[in-house]
Structure formats: structure tokens, C-alpha cells
Amino acid sequence: MELDIQCEEMSPSRWAELLTTMKSCKTIRLDDCNLSSSNCEDLSSIINTNPSLTELKLNNNELGDAGVEYLCKGLLTPSCSLQKLWLQNCNLTSASCETLRSVLSAQPALTELHVGDNKLGTAGVKVLCQGMMNPSCKLQKLQLEYCELTADIVEALNAALQSKPSLKELSLSNNTLGDTAVKQLCQGLVEASCNLELLHLENCGITSDSCMEISAVLRNKSSLMDLSVGDNKIGDSGLALLCQGLMHPSCKIQKLWLWDCDLTSASCKDLSRLISTKETLTEISLIDNNLRDSGMEMLCQALKDPKSKLQELWVRECGLTAACCKAVSSALSTNKHLKVLHIGENKLGDAGVELLCEGLMHPNCNIQSLWLGNCDLTAGCCATLATVMVTKQCLTELDLSYNPLDDEGIRKICEALRKPSCNVQQLILYDILWSSEVDDELRALEESKPEVKIIS
């Protein structure tokens, strides 16, 4: 049994009602429910008396250190079988880390700990690392984003990594680590026996200076499938170093996020080689990089290579225009694997989207999710988009937000949605002006086709 409630104010009567339900739940998720430390006392009792409970998710609640102390009393009981604990943005401080250290040391069932968005600080996380080093700890996933960590944390982290072969996922994004610390961390990862599968280092103050060490992790950890270094100023020179590791035969990368990394079209030669030859790579994010049309054309050429198995391409806000749309269209008509294309916030215009639609209509194209928000589109291209919607049954998600489509364009899209052959299940229309009459038509459409979700 699963309890999944979000964004609900808990009255005493409602809470009492839910407590009865929780006694037999395997999963309890109560994000954004205005819970406090007093609720944690009840939850501790549930943890103690419900041995089937394996996941507890309490993100975005004001639990505080006192609340975590209550929870941990339940977590430390012999009957506890909890495997996944989510406490993101719960107003915790370093004081909670001593209590959580006890749980890590004594509870081998716990394999996931998510404590990001809390002011744990370097001192607090050092205490958590002590718990990780206990032989009883079998932690596999550790999420420490936005925890106010500094470079001083790396020595403790590396010591924990050396003793924890079970660790598979490490998220340290949005902490001020810097190149020196990241280099030390990477050296520790190379030496550690853990089979790391996910490493997230977004917004960690990384430059090209530490990319050689990250590249070494890619070469030496064939288990690593998910790397995110977005929002770091690595530049074209850093990307070239990363690609040395990414292109290594032992690297099995699947997901690569490089958003806002100060890349230009100069990086697209290396990226194209990666896309066309690394058959394990299925998702790449290049959002907010100045690739321009020339860079996008190189990427499209790579997508046409039979070895490319890319399924998701994110090139939002990359300085693209209609000039690259013929190349994108050609790639869409050739690549059978691509399922998701985020190409919004580029000045494609109606002419560019008309060209894209030629590729989308090709039998080889299997796009499921298409994002065209803020692309300078008007009602002029909506008839063609409507044709794609009714023809391509694989298309289930379409984003047209922030485009001046007006009543005329929205009506054409609605007409397509009404057709039985249209399989679009989610239509995103943020910040588009339409009349009250069109608004009524949209609401009526949702009522007649409840499987369709219109987000505006």
C-alpha cells in the first residue's frame, strides 16, 4: 500500500485519519504538508510498528533538528526496515547529523539518504561521513545538494568512499567546492572500490582546470552512467578534456548534462564525435550554451550516424534560428531512436518549425516529447503542427508556451486534439493570450478527453 500526498495542510483530524492508514503502508510520501516536529513523534511510532515501511519522503516540511531526532528513535529500533529516507529542505542543521550518523552506523537496511537543501555545513557532513564508514552502513545513494559544503569536506568524503563499495550515487551539486577540491574528490573516486553510477557536480565552481581529473573518473569507472557538470564554466577547452574520458572504450556513459558550461560551436566537433560513436549515450543536455546554427548542424550530422542511439537532446536557448532547421529535420527523418527534443527559446520562427515538421512527419521519426516554447511562433505554423499531432501517434507531449499563437492558432491546435488519431496527452501553453471563448473551448476539450492535460 502506498500513501502519496503533496501540498496539503494537515488538520488534526486529517492527520489522525492518515496515521491509521500509515500503519500498513509500504511507502509514505508527504511532501509540502506543513509538518513539524510534533508530527515526527507520530511517524517515529509508525516506523517502529510498521515493518513493511521501506520508503519515507518528507521533503519541504519544517521538521527541524527536533523532528529528525524523533524520527531517528524509530529508525534505530530493530523492527525498522526503512530503505529510503528523503528529508530535503526540512530546516535541518549540523545538529541533525549526529543523530543521522547513529542511524547510518546501526541500520544496514537504509540504502538511500536525501538531505539536500539543508544547512548541514561541512562540519555536519563530516559527522555523516563517520557514520558511512561504519561496516554496518550499506548506503547506495547520498544526496547533499545545497548543503553549504566547502572544499574542506573532500577529505572526509574520500575516506567514506574508500570504505563504502556499496555507494552508487553521489550528488554534491550547488556547493562551493572549487577545482582543487573536485580534483581531490576525483582522485579519491578513481582509487575507491565503489561502483559509482551517478555523479552530480552542478554549480560547484568547476573550470577546465579540473576536467582532466573528471575525465580520469570516466576512464576508470566503467560503472558511471550519469554525469552532470552543468552550470560550471568549463568552456570548450574543458569539454575537450572531458571527451577524452567520454570517448574511452571503458566509458559507458548514458546521461550527460552540460547545460550552461560556456560551450560554443567549437565544442560541437567533439560532441558530434561522441554522439555518433558512443552507443551507450542516450541523453545529453546542452541548454544555454552558445552553439549557434553551425554547431547544431554538426550535432545533426552526428544524429544521422547509424551508431547514434541518442534518445533525448536538450538544446534550449542555444542561439539557434531557422537556418539550422533543415539539418534538424533531416536528422529527425533519419534517427529512429530520438524520443525527446527540447529546442525551445530559440528564434526558429514559423518558417523554421515548418521545416522541422517535415522531419517529424517522416515514418522514421519517433518523437514523443517536443518542446517549442518561446520560439517566435505564430498562428501561421499551427495548421502544420496540427497535422503532425493527428498523424504522429507517438507524439504525447507538446510545449508551445510563450508564443503569440492567439485564438486562431490555439483553435487549430484544439481541433487536432479533438481528433481520435491524436495521442497528445500533455499540452503546455504557458503565457499565451486567448479569449474567454477559447478558454471555454479548452475546458470543454479537457472534459471530453480526460486523458488530455492542458497546462496553462
Protein backbone atom coordinates (compact mmCIF):
# COMPACT_ATOMS: atom_id res chain seq x y z
CA MET A 1 0.00 0.00 0.00
CA GLU A 2 1.21 3.50 -0.86
CA LEU A 3 0.35 6.88 0.65
CA ASP A 4 1.32 9.80 -1.62
CA ILE A 5 0.06 13.26 -0.61
CA GLN A 6 1.57 16.60 -1.61
CA CYS A 7 0.82 20.22 -0.72
CA GLU A 8 -1.93 19.56 1.80
CA GLU A 9 -2.40 21.37 5.11
CA MET A 10 -2.78 18.76 7.84
CA SER A 11 -5.62 19.36 10.28
CA PRO A 12 -5.53 17.27 13.49
CA SER A 13 -8.47 15.16 12.29
CA ARG A 14 -6.93 14.58 8.87
CA TRP A 15 -3.61 13.62 10.47
CA ALA A 16 -5.31 11.16 12.82
CA GLU A 17 -7.10 9.61 9.84
CA LEU A 18 -3.83 9.24 7.91
CA LEU A 19 -2.00 7.70 10.87
CA THR A 20 -4.38 4.75 10.75
CA THR A 21 -3.64 4.29 7.05
CA MET A 22 0.13 4.58 7.56
CA LYS A 23 0.22 1.53 9.81
CA SER A 24 0.08 -0.74 6.76
CA CYS A 25 1.86 1.41 4.13
CA LYS A 26 5.00 0.30 2.33
CA THR A 27 5.61 3.85 1.04
CA ILE A 28 4.74 7.17 2.73
CA ARG A 29 5.23 10.43 0.82
CA LEU A 30 4.15 13.67 2.50
CA ASP A 31 5.98 16.48 0.68
CA ASP A 32 4.92 20.09 1.37
CA CYS A 33 2.35 19.14 4.01
CA ASN A 34 3.31 21.72 6.67
CA LEU A 35 4.53 19.00 9.02
CA SER A 36 6.51 19.84 12.15
CA SER A 37 8.47 18.04 14.84
CA SER A 38 5.24 17.01 16.59
CA ASN A 39 4.20 15.00 13.53
CA CYS A 40 7.59 13.29 13.61
CA GLU A 41 6.83 11.81 17.02
CA ASP A 42 3.84 10.01 15.47
CA LEU A 43 5.89 9.00 12.41
CA SER A 44 8.55 7.52 14.67
CA SER A 45 5.91 5.25 16.17
CA ILE A 46 4.78 4.24 12.66
CA ILE A 47 8.38 3.38 11.70
CA ASN A 48 8.68 1.29 14.85
CA THR A 49 5.42 -0.63 14.42
CA ASN A 50 5.21 -0.99 10.62
CA PRO A 51 7.98 -3.37 9.47
CA SER A 52 6.72 -3.21 5.87
CA LEU A 53 7.56 0.53 5.56
CA THR A 54 10.52 0.90 3.18
CA GLU A 55 10.27 4.50 1.90
CA LEU A 56 9.59 7.74 3.81
CA LYS A 57 9.55 11.04 1.90
CA LEU A 58 9.10 14.25 3.91
CA ASN A 59 10.61 16.94 1.69
CA ASN A 60 9.79 20.64 2.19
CA ASN A 61 8.44 20.41 5.74
CA GLU A 62 9.58 22.37 8.82
CA LEU A 63 10.71 19.31 10.74
CA GLY A 64 13.84 20.87 12.21
CA ASP A 65 16.51 19.06 14.19
CA ALA A 66 13.97 18.10 16.87
CA GLY A 67 11.81 16.35 14.26
CA VAL A 68 14.72 14.34 12.94
CA GLU A 69 15.61 13.30 16.47
CA TYR A 70 12.10 11.85 16.89
CA LEU A 71 12.32 10.07 13.51
CA CYS A 72 15.66 8.53 14.36
CA LYS A 73 14.28 6.94 17.52
CA GLY A 74 12.05 4.89 15.25
CA LEU A 75 14.80 4.32 12.72
CA LEU A 76 17.06 2.84 15.40
CA THR A 77 14.55 0.18 16.51
CA PRO A 78 15.32 -3.43 15.46
CA SER A 79 11.96 -3.75 13.67
CA CYS A 80 12.72 -0.84 11.28
CA SER A 81 13.14 -1.87 7.63
CA LEU A 82 13.30 1.60 6.07
CA GLN A 83 15.42 1.70 2.90
CA LYS A 84 14.82 5.22 1.53
CA LEU A 85 14.69 8.44 3.56
CA TRP A 86 14.02 11.86 1.98
CA LEU A 87 14.48 14.95 4.17
CA GLN A 88 15.22 17.67 1.60
CA ASN A 89 14.56 21.26 2.67
CA CYS A 90 13.41 20.35 6.18
CA ASN A 91 15.21 23.13 8.09
CA LEU A 92 17.94 20.83 9.38
CA THR A 93 21.32 21.95 10.69
CA SER A 94 24.55 20.19 11.61
CA ALA A 95 22.86 19.17 14.87
CA SER A 96 20.81 16.58 12.94
CA CYS A 97 23.94 14.92 11.58
CA GLU A 98 24.96 13.28 14.84
CA THR A 99 21.53 11.63 15.07
CA LEU A 100 21.63 10.55 11.43
CA ARG A 101 25.18 9.24 11.94
CA SER A 102 23.79 6.82 14.54
CA VAL A 103 21.22 5.57 12.01
CA LEU A 104 23.85 5.09 9.28
CA SER A 105 26.03 3.17 11.73
CA ALA A 106 23.28 0.91 13.03
CA GLN A 107 20.73 0.48 10.22
CA PRO A 108 22.04 -1.68 7.33
CA ALA A 109 18.62 -1.60 5.63
CA LEU A 110 19.00 2.12 4.80
CA THR A 111 20.32 2.45 1.24
CA GLU A 112 19.21 5.99 0.28
CA LEU A 113 19.63 9.26 2.18
CA HIS A 114 18.46 12.53 0.63
CA VAL A 115 19.26 15.55 2.83
CA GLY A 116 19.88 18.32 0.29
CA ASP A 117 18.68 21.91 0.76
CA ASN A 118 19.57 21.86 4.46
CA LYS A 119 22.26 23.95 6.21
CA LEU A 120 24.26 20.94 7.33
CA GLY A 121 27.59 22.58 6.57
CA THR A 122 30.96 20.93 6.22
CA ALA A 123 31.15 20.09 9.93
CA GLY A 124 27.78 18.31 9.84
CA VAL A 125 28.52 16.25 6.74
CA LYS A 126 31.87 15.20 8.21
CA VAL A 127 29.85 13.60 11.00
CA LEU A 128 27.64 11.83 8.41
CA CYS A 129 30.79 10.50 6.74
CA GLN A 130 31.82 8.91 10.05
CA GLY A 131 28.54 7.01 10.02
CA MET A 132 29.12 5.91 6.45
CA MET A 133 32.47 4.41 7.43
CA ASN A 134 30.80 2.00 9.83
CA PRO A 135 30.86 -1.54 8.35
CA SER A 136 27.12 -1.87 9.05
CA CYS A 137 26.32 1.03 6.70
CA LYS A 138 25.20 -0.15 3.24
CA LEU A 139 24.34 3.24 1.77
CA GLN A 140 23.98 3.29 -2.02
CA LYS A 141 22.67 6.81 -2.70
CA LEU A 142 23.72 10.04 -0.96
CA GLN A 143 22.26 13.41 -1.95
CA LEU A 144 23.95 16.51 -0.47
CA GLU A 145 22.96 19.33 -2.83
CA TYR A 146 22.70 22.86 -1.38
CA CYS A 147 24.22 21.81 1.95
CA GLU A 148 26.68 24.74 2.28
CA LEU A 149 29.69 22.48 1.81
CA THR A 150 33.18 23.81 1.14
CA ALA A 151 36.43 22.31 -0.11
CA ASP A 152 37.19 21.08 3.41
CA ILE A 153 34.62 18.28 3.07
CA VAL A 154 36.59 16.30 0.48
CA GLU A 155 39.00 14.53 2.83
CA ALA A 156 36.11 13.11 4.88
CA LEU A 157 34.16 12.20 1.73
CA ASN A 158 37.14 10.38 0.25
CA ALA A 159 37.64 8.41 3.46
CA ALA A 160 33.98 7.38 3.35
CA LEU A 161 34.25 6.44 -0.33
CA GLN A 162 37.24 4.20 0.40
CA SER A 163 35.21 2.24 2.93
CA LYS A 164 31.93 2.11 1.05
CA PRO A 165 31.95 -0.17 -2.03
CA SER A 166 28.12 -0.13 -1.97
CA LEU A 167 27.87 3.58 -2.94
CA LYS A 168 26.36 4.06 -6.41
CA GLU A 169 25.10 7.66 -6.47
CA LEU A 170 26.70 10.86 -5.14
CA SER A 171 25.11 14.28 -5.61
CA LEU A 172 27.13 17.31 -4.49
CA SER A 173 25.67 19.99 -6.77
CA ASN A 174 25.34 23.61 -5.66
CA ASN A 175 28.14 23.56 -3.11
CA THR A 176 31.21 25.83 -3.32
CA LEU A 177 33.83 23.12 -3.80
CA GLY A 178 36.13 24.62 -6.44
CA ASP A 179 38.67 22.96 -8.73
CA THR A 180 41.16 21.88 -6.07
CA ALA A 181 38.53 20.01 -4.07
CA VAL A 182 36.98 18.44 -7.18
CA LYS A 183 40.41 17.20 -8.26
CA GLN A 184 40.91 15.57 -4.86
CA LEU A 185 37.42 14.07 -4.96
CA CYS A 186 38.02 12.59 -8.42
CA GLN A 187 41.35 11.10 -7.32
CA GLY A 188 39.51 9.50 -4.41
CA LEU A 189 36.81 8.14 -6.71
CA VAL A 190 39.40 6.59 -9.01
CA GLU A 191 41.06 4.86 -6.06
CA ALA A 192 37.82 3.82 -4.31
CA SER A 193 36.36 0.37 -4.84
CA CYS A 194 32.78 1.69 -5.20
CA ASN A 195 30.97 1.15 -8.49
CA LEU A 196 29.69 4.70 -8.84
CA GLU A 197 26.84 5.05 -11.35
CA LEU A 198 25.82 8.71 -10.85
CA LEU A 199 27.95 11.79 -10.11
CA HIS A 200 26.34 15.23 -9.98
CA LEU A 201 28.61 18.29 -9.62
CA GLU A 202 26.44 21.11 -10.97
CA ASN A 203 27.36 24.65 -9.90
CA CYS A 204 30.41 23.57 -7.90
CA GLY A 205 32.84 26.24 -9.14
CA ILE A 206 34.48 23.91 -11.68
CA THR A 207 36.57 25.23 -14.56
CA SER A 208 38.59 23.49 -17.26
CA ASP A 209 41.33 23.08 -14.64
CA SER A 210 39.66 20.03 -13.05
CA CYS A 211 38.27 18.43 -16.23
CA MET A 212 41.28 16.14 -16.68
CA GLU A 213 40.56 14.57 -13.28
CA ILE A 214 36.85 14.17 -14.08
CA SER A 215 37.93 12.58 -17.35
CA ALA A 216 40.04 10.09 -15.36
CA VAL A 217 36.93 9.05 -13.41
CA LEU A 218 35.12 8.45 -16.71
CA ARG A 219 38.00 6.28 -17.94
CA ASN A 220 38.40 4.29 -14.74
CA LYS A 221 34.79 3.87 -13.60
CA SER A 222 33.00 1.90 -16.30
CA SER A 223 30.02 1.80 -13.92
CA LEU A 224 29.48 5.60 -14.28
CA MET A 225 26.39 6.17 -16.41
CA ASP A 226 25.13 9.60 -15.30
CA LEU A 227 27.41 12.67 -15.15
CA SER A 228 26.17 16.21 -14.61
CA VAL A 229 28.58 19.15 -14.56
CA GLY A 230 26.08 21.80 -15.66
CA ASP A 231 26.38 25.43 -14.55
CA ASN A 232 30.17 25.27 -14.40
CA LYS A 233 32.43 27.40 -16.61
CA ILE A 234 34.41 24.57 -18.17
CA GLY A 235 34.39 26.10 -21.67
CA ASP A 236 35.43 24.45 -24.93
CA SER A 237 38.86 23.50 -23.56
CA GLY A 238 37.29 21.72 -20.57
CA LEU A 239 34.83 19.89 -22.80
CA ALA A 240 37.71 18.66 -24.98
CA LEU A 241 39.35 17.16 -21.87
CA LEU A 242 36.09 15.56 -20.72
CA CYS A 243 35.65 13.99 -24.15
CA GLN A 244 38.95 12.17 -23.77
CA GLY A 245 37.37 10.21 -20.92
CA LEU A 246 33.94 10.02 -22.52
CA MET A 247 35.38 8.53 -25.70
CA HIS A 248 37.44 5.92 -23.84
CA PRO A 249 36.26 2.37 -24.65
CA SER A 250 35.66 1.59 -20.97
CA CYS A 251 33.33 4.59 -20.50
CA LYS A 252 29.65 3.56 -20.60
CA ILE A 253 28.05 6.97 -20.11
CA GLN A 254 24.29 7.15 -20.72
CA LYS A 255 23.26 10.58 -19.43
CA LEU A 256 25.43 13.70 -19.82
CA TRP A 257 24.33 17.15 -18.65
CA LEU A 258 26.44 20.09 -19.81
CA TRP A 259 23.97 22.96 -19.52
CA ASP A 260 25.37 26.50 -19.15
CA CYS A 261 29.00 25.42 -19.43
CA ASP A 262 30.23 28.29 -21.67
CA LEU A 263 30.39 26.00 -24.69
CA THR A 264 30.40 27.34 -28.25
CA SER A 265 30.14 25.81 -31.71
CA ALA A 266 33.83 24.90 -31.32
CA SER A 267 32.77 22.17 -28.87
CA CYS A 268 30.32 20.63 -31.32
CA LYS A 269 33.02 18.79 -33.24
CA ASP A 270 33.93 16.80 -30.11
CA LEU A 271 30.27 16.44 -29.12
CA SER A 272 29.36 15.20 -32.60
CA ARG A 273 32.05 12.55 -32.44
CA LEU A 274 30.70 11.49 -29.05
CA ILE A 275 27.07 11.30 -30.25
CA SER A 276 27.95 9.37 -33.38
CA THR A 277 30.26 6.79 -31.77
CA LYS A 278 29.25 6.34 -28.10
CA GLU A 279 26.35 3.92 -28.46
CA THR A 280 25.60 3.91 -24.72
CA LEU A 281 24.83 7.67 -24.73
CA THR A 282 21.05 8.17 -24.66
CA GLU A 283 20.61 11.68 -23.18
CA ILE A 284 22.55 14.92 -23.48
CA SER A 285 21.66 18.41 -22.22
CA LEU A 286 23.37 21.40 -23.83
CA ILE A 287 20.89 24.03 -22.64
CA ASP A 288 22.07 27.65 -22.51
CA ASN A 289 25.29 27.20 -24.47
CA ASN A 290 26.13 29.40 -27.45
CA LEU A 291 26.19 26.59 -30.04
CA ARG A 292 24.63 28.61 -32.87
CA ASP A 293 23.33 27.16 -36.13
CA SER A 294 26.75 25.94 -37.24
CA GLY A 295 27.16 23.90 -34.05
CA MET A 296 23.66 22.47 -34.28
CA GLU A 297 24.27 21.40 -37.87
CA MET A 298 27.30 19.39 -36.72
CA LEU A 299 25.22 17.72 -33.99
CA CYS A 300 22.53 16.85 -36.54
CA GLN A 301 25.08 15.22 -38.80
CA ALA A 302 26.10 13.03 -35.86
CA LEU A 303 22.47 12.12 -35.15
CA LYS A 304 22.23 10.70 -38.66
CA ASP A 305 25.04 8.22 -37.96
CA PRO A 306 23.63 4.67 -37.59
CA LYS A 307 25.72 4.22 -34.42
CA SER A 308 23.96 7.09 -32.65
CA LYS A 309 21.46 5.82 -30.06
CA LEU A 310 20.62 9.22 -28.58
CA GLN A 311 17.05 9.38 -27.25
CA GLU A 312 16.95 12.83 -25.63
CA LEU A 313 18.52 16.07 -26.91
CA TRP A 314 18.15 19.31 -24.95
CA VAL A 315 19.29 22.39 -26.92
CA ARG A 316 17.08 25.07 -25.41
CA GLU A 317 18.45 28.63 -25.51
CA CYS A 318 21.41 27.80 -27.74
CA GLY A 319 21.26 30.72 -30.18
CA LEU A 320 19.54 28.73 -32.93
CA THR A 321 17.49 30.13 -35.82
CA ALA A 322 15.54 28.80 -38.78
CA ALA A 323 18.86 28.40 -40.59
CA CYS A 324 19.58 25.11 -38.78
CA CYS A 325 16.06 23.67 -39.06
CA LYS A 326 16.65 21.89 -42.38
CA ALA A 327 19.52 19.98 -40.74
CA VAL A 328 17.35 19.19 -37.67
CA SER A 329 14.57 17.99 -39.96
CA SER A 330 16.96 15.73 -41.82
CA ALA A 331 18.19 14.26 -38.51
CA LEU A 332 14.59 13.66 -37.37
CA SER A 333 13.80 11.81 -40.58
CA THR A 334 16.87 9.59 -40.16
CA ASN A 335 17.25 8.89 -36.44
CA LYS A 336 14.71 6.33 -35.20
CA HIS A 337 15.91 6.50 -31.59
CA LEU A 338 15.31 10.17 -30.73
CA LYS A 339 12.26 10.46 -28.47
CA VAL A 340 12.67 13.86 -26.76
CA LEU A 341 13.67 17.16 -28.38
CA HIS A 342 13.85 20.34 -26.28
CA ILE A 343 14.58 23.13 -28.75
CA GLY A 344 12.64 26.00 -27.15
CA GLU A 345 13.88 29.54 -26.50
CA ASN A 346 15.48 29.68 -29.93
CA LYS A 347 14.37 32.04 -32.70
CA LEU A 348 13.12 29.34 -35.07
CA GLY A 349 10.02 31.21 -36.24
CA ASP A 350 7.18 29.75 -38.29
CA ALA A 351 9.46 29.01 -41.24
CA GLY A 352 11.83 27.00 -39.07
CA VAL A 353 9.07 24.96 -37.47
CA GLU A 354 7.53 24.25 -40.89
CA LEU A 355 10.89 22.69 -41.82
CA LEU A 356 11.01 20.72 -38.55
CA CYS A 357 7.56 19.33 -39.25
CA GLU A 358 8.78 17.78 -42.49
CA GLY A 359 11.18 15.65 -40.46
CA LEU A 360 8.61 14.98 -37.75
CA MET A 361 6.20 13.61 -40.35
CA HIS A 362 8.75 11.13 -41.70
CA PRO A 363 7.95 7.46 -40.88
CA ASN A 364 11.38 7.05 -39.26
CA CYS A 365 10.69 9.78 -36.70
CA ASN A 366 9.56 8.54 -33.28
CA ILE A 367 9.45 11.78 -31.29
CA GLN A 368 7.31 11.55 -28.15
CA SER A 369 8.06 14.90 -26.49
CA LEU A 370 8.58 18.15 -28.41
CA TRP A 371 9.30 21.47 -26.68
CA LEU A 372 8.94 24.63 -28.78
CA GLY A 373 8.33 27.25 -26.09
CA ASN A 374 9.36 30.85 -26.83
CA CYS A 375 10.38 30.17 -30.45
CA ASP A 376 8.71 33.23 -32.07
CA LEU A 377 5.87 31.09 -33.41
CA THR A 378 2.52 32.47 -34.57
CA ALA A 379 -0.77 31.00 -35.75
CA GLY A 380 0.88 30.69 -39.16
CA CYS A 381 2.58 27.39 -38.29
CA CYS A 382 -0.26 25.88 -36.25
CA ALA A 383 -2.01 24.15 -39.16
CA THR A 384 1.19 22.22 -39.89
CA LEU A 385 1.70 21.43 -36.19
CA ALA A 386 -1.90 20.23 -36.04
CA THR A 387 -1.20 17.85 -38.93
CA VAL A 388 1.78 16.43 -37.04
CA MET A 389 -0.40 15.98 -33.92
CA VAL A 390 -3.05 13.92 -35.72
CA THR A 391 -0.57 11.94 -37.83
CA LYS A 392 2.20 11.05 -35.37
CA GLN A 393 0.60 8.88 -32.71
CA CYS A 394 3.94 8.58 -30.94
CA LEU A 395 3.75 12.31 -30.01
CA THR A 396 2.36 12.52 -26.47
CA GLU A 397 3.78 15.82 -25.14
CA LEU A 398 3.91 19.23 -26.84
CA ASP A 399 5.07 22.55 -25.36
CA LEU A 400 4.11 25.74 -27.23
CA SER A 401 4.42 28.18 -24.30
CA TYR A 402 5.37 31.85 -24.65
CA ASN A 403 4.47 32.05 -28.33
CA PRO A 404 1.88 34.58 -29.67
CA LEU A 405 -0.42 31.96 -31.17
CA ASP A 406 -3.63 33.91 -30.34
CA ASP A 407 -7.13 32.48 -30.75
CA GLU A 408 -6.55 31.38 -34.33
CA GLY A 409 -3.55 29.23 -33.52
CA ILE A 410 -4.98 27.74 -30.32
CA ARG A 411 -8.19 26.77 -32.16
CA LYS A 412 -6.18 24.88 -34.79
CA ILE A 413 -4.32 23.02 -32.04
CA CYS A 414 -7.62 22.25 -30.26
CA GLU A 415 -9.12 20.93 -33.49
CA ALA A 416 -6.24 18.47 -33.74
CA LEU A 417 -6.63 17.42 -30.10
CA ARG A 418 -10.27 16.50 -30.72
CA LYS A 419 -9.35 14.02 -33.46
CA PRO A 420 -9.36 10.37 -32.34
CA SER A 421 -5.99 9.79 -34.02
CA CYS A 422 -4.30 12.49 -31.88
CA ASN A 423 -2.44 10.93 -28.95
CA VAL A 424 -1.10 14.10 -27.30
CA GLN A 425 -1.69 13.67 -23.57
CA GLN A 426 0.03 16.81 -22.29
CA LEU A 427 -0.20 20.21 -23.98
CA ILE A 428 1.73 23.05 -22.32
CA LEU A 429 0.54 26.58 -23.10
CA TYR A 430 2.04 28.94 -20.51
CA ASP A 431 1.70 32.69 -21.03
CA ILE A 432 -0.35 32.68 -24.24
CA LEU A 433 -3.20 35.18 -24.54
CA TRP A 434 -6.55 33.92 -25.75
CA SER A 435 -10.17 34.98 -25.45
CA SER A 436 -12.71 33.75 -22.90
CA GLU A 437 -14.44 31.85 -25.73
CA VAL A 438 -11.25 29.90 -26.48
CA ASP A 439 -10.77 29.33 -22.76
CA ASP A 440 -14.22 27.73 -22.63
CA GLU A 441 -13.30 25.55 -25.61
CA LEU A 442 -10.13 24.37 -23.85
CA ARG A 443 -12.03 23.47 -20.67
CA ALA A 444 -14.69 21.62 -22.69
CA LEU A 445 -11.95 19.75 -24.51
CA GLU A 446 -10.42 18.60 -21.22
CA GLU A 447 -13.83 17.37 -20.07
CA SER A 448 -14.46 15.45 -23.29
CA LYS A 449 -10.95 13.94 -23.29
CA PRO A 450 -9.97 13.42 -19.62
CA GLU A 451 -6.72 11.74 -20.69
CA VAL A 452 -5.53 15.10 -22.07
CA LYS A 453 -3.89 17.53 -19.64
CA ILE A 454 -3.71 21.15 -20.75
CA ILE A 455 -1.25 23.18 -18.65
CA SER A 456 -1.53 26.95 -18.86
